[in-house]
Protein backbone atom coordinates (compact mmCIF):
# COMPACT_ATOMS: atom_id res chain seq x y z
CA MET A 1 51.91 42.35 119.40
CA LYS A 2 52.38 44.20 122.72
CA LYS A 3 51.78 47.54 120.98
CA ILE A 4 48.51 46.31 119.50
CA PHE A 5 47.37 45.02 122.91
CA VAL A 6 48.27 48.31 124.64
CA LEU A 7 46.57 50.33 121.89
CA THR A 8 43.45 48.15 122.14
CA VAL A 9 43.29 48.56 125.94
CA PHE A 10 43.85 52.32 125.64
CA SER A 11 41.14 52.59 122.96
CA GLY A 12 38.73 50.66 125.17
CA ILE A 13 39.39 52.91 128.16
CA LEU A 14 39.01 56.03 126.01
CA GLY A 15 35.78 54.69 124.52
CA PHE A 16 34.41 53.94 127.99
CA PHE A 17 35.22 57.48 129.13
CA LEU A 18 33.58 59.01 126.06
CA LEU A 19 30.43 56.98 126.58
CA PHE A 20 30.12 57.17 130.35
CA GLY A 21 32.55 59.78 131.62
CA SER A 22 31.53 63.29 132.47
CA ILE A 23 32.25 66.05 134.88
CA SER A 24 29.64 65.73 137.57
CA THR A 25 28.34 68.65 139.55
CA GLY A 26 25.59 66.60 141.13
CA GLY A 27 22.63 67.68 139.02
CA GLU A 28 22.14 70.79 141.14
CA THR A 29 20.76 73.15 138.50
CA THR A 30 17.00 73.28 138.12
CA ILE A 31 15.58 75.17 135.18
CA GLU A 32 12.01 76.02 136.05
CA GLY A 33 9.47 74.36 133.79
CA VAL A 34 12.05 72.20 131.99
CA GLU A 35 12.16 68.49 132.62
CA GLU A 36 13.79 67.11 129.49
CA ALA A 37 16.05 67.89 126.58
CA VAL A 38 16.84 66.04 123.37
CA VAL A 39 20.41 66.19 122.06
CA TYR A 40 20.96 65.39 118.37
CA LEU A 41 24.51 64.22 117.76
CA ASP A 42 26.78 62.01 115.73
CA PRO A 43 27.50 58.86 117.76
CA ASP A 44 31.13 58.93 116.61
CA CYS A 45 31.70 62.43 118.01
CA GLY A 46 33.09 62.18 121.54
CA CYS A 47 32.81 65.89 122.31
CA CYS A 48 29.10 65.90 121.47
CA LEU A 49 28.46 62.96 123.76
CA ASN A 50 30.58 64.63 126.46
CA HIS A 51 28.44 67.77 126.22
CA ALA A 52 25.22 65.73 126.52
CA ARG A 53 26.63 63.99 129.61
CA TYR A 54 27.74 67.37 131.01
CA LEU A 55 24.20 68.71 130.63
CA GLU A 56 22.76 65.58 132.20
CA SER A 57 25.13 65.64 135.17
CA SER A 58 24.92 69.41 135.72
CA THR A 59 21.14 69.75 135.76
CA ASP A 60 17.95 68.06 136.90
CA ILE A 61 16.97 67.65 133.24
CA ASP A 62 16.37 64.24 131.65
CA VAL A 63 18.61 64.13 128.59
CA GLU A 64 17.62 61.98 125.63
CA ILE A 65 20.43 61.37 123.15
CA VAL A 66 19.49 60.89 119.50
CA THR A 67 22.54 59.44 117.82
CA ASN A 68 21.55 59.81 114.19
CA GLY A 69 22.22 63.54 114.44
CA TYR A 70 19.32 64.45 112.15
CA HIS A 71 16.74 67.06 113.01
CA ASP A 72 14.61 69.56 111.12
CA ILE A 73 15.71 72.61 113.09
CA ASP A 74 17.07 75.54 111.11
CA ILE A 75 20.22 76.96 112.67
CA PRO A 76 21.74 79.99 110.90
CA ARG A 77 24.79 78.76 109.00
CA ALA A 78 27.18 81.17 110.74
CA LEU A 79 26.17 79.75 114.14
CA GLN A 80 26.32 76.03 113.44
CA SER A 81 28.32 73.69 115.60
CA CYS A 82 28.52 69.91 115.96
CA HIS A 83 25.30 69.09 117.85
CA THR A 84 21.88 70.56 118.62
CA THR A 85 19.83 70.37 121.80
CA VAL A 86 16.08 70.92 121.84
CA ILE A 87 14.98 72.10 125.25
CA GLY A 88 11.52 73.52 125.90
CA ASP A 89 10.64 75.64 122.87
CA TYR A 90 14.28 76.48 122.13
CA ALA A 91 17.08 75.10 119.99
CA VAL A 92 20.49 75.27 121.62
CA GLU A 93 23.45 74.83 119.28
CA GLY A 94 26.90 73.73 120.37
CA HIS A 95 28.88 73.47 123.59
CA ILE A 96 26.77 75.84 125.66
CA PRO A 97 27.55 76.17 129.40
CA VAL A 98 24.69 75.52 131.84
CA GLU A 99 24.69 79.20 132.88
CA ALA A 100 23.46 80.12 129.39
CA PHE A 101 20.65 77.53 129.56
CA GLU A 102 19.57 79.10 132.88
CA LYS A 103 19.64 82.64 131.47
CA LEU A 104 17.72 81.53 128.37
CA PHE A 105 14.81 80.36 130.51
CA GLU A 106 15.03 83.18 133.05
CA ASP A 107 14.89 85.81 130.28
CA ASN A 108 12.24 83.87 128.31
CA ILE A 109 13.57 85.36 125.07
CA ASP A 110 11.37 85.68 122.00
CA TRP A 111 13.94 84.06 119.69
CA ASP A 112 14.30 80.52 118.37
CA GLY A 113 17.34 79.68 120.46
CA ILE A 114 20.96 80.29 121.35
CA ALA A 115 24.25 79.13 119.88
CA LEU A 116 27.94 78.94 120.61
CA PRO A 117 29.44 78.51 117.13
CA GLY A 118 32.26 76.12 116.41
CA MET A 119 33.90 73.97 119.03
CA PRO A 120 35.74 76.38 121.37
CA SER A 121 38.53 74.95 123.49
CA GLY A 122 37.58 74.65 127.15
CA SER A 123 33.82 74.75 126.54
CA PRO A 124 31.71 72.03 128.19
CA GLY A 125 32.41 68.74 126.46
CA MET A 126 35.53 69.98 124.70
CA GLY A 127 39.02 69.37 125.90
CA GLY A 128 41.67 71.95 126.51
CA SER A 129 41.64 75.21 128.38
CA LYS A 130 39.41 78.19 127.80
CA THR A 131 41.46 80.65 125.75
CA GLU A 132 38.86 83.34 125.08
CA ASP A 133 35.40 84.48 126.13
CA PHE A 134 32.48 82.42 124.85
CA GLU A 135 30.21 84.71 122.85
CA ILE A 136 26.77 83.12 122.81
CA PHE A 137 24.25 84.37 120.26
CA LYS A 138 20.46 84.33 120.21
CA PHE A 139 18.99 83.64 116.81
CA ASP A 140 15.86 83.75 114.67
CA SER A 141 16.13 80.92 112.17
CA SER A 142 13.34 82.12 109.86
CA GLU A 143 15.15 85.39 109.19
CA GLU A 144 18.71 84.06 109.61
CA THR A 145 19.33 86.88 112.10
CA PHE A 146 21.29 86.75 115.31
CA GLU A 147 22.83 88.99 117.95
CA THR A 148 24.88 88.57 121.10
CA PHE A 149 22.93 86.99 123.96
CA MET A 150 25.69 86.81 126.55
CA VAL A 151 29.44 86.50 126.98
CA LEU A 152 30.95 84.04 129.45
């Protein structure tokens, strides 16, 4: 009985952290011309929710979370991750650091968006330590083409 109680308390604390916990940098980043973003995610995926909270706490952007995870955005298969953010006219796939969001809008690229494929350890919203550079790609979904946008 004690084990069940301890497990229940631990699960509750973990659930609270996943819903409300994030690394806060004070919302210091302003991306000119961008006021809001919509993050499409699975409500049962803690890392997706952590990334949405990271984006919200790291920028001045209003973040709307859509928990059904469904959207009609075409992301090239090779670049898919676990959640998609729509920000301005761009689709942003995966656990993208704020620096890449900033560069996306500074460069005003003529592509559909950027992506960090998979769920790399140490990326915003993911646990663990960063073990390799994050190669972020820009993509054109209509042609299924992509190329390196930046490496962090």
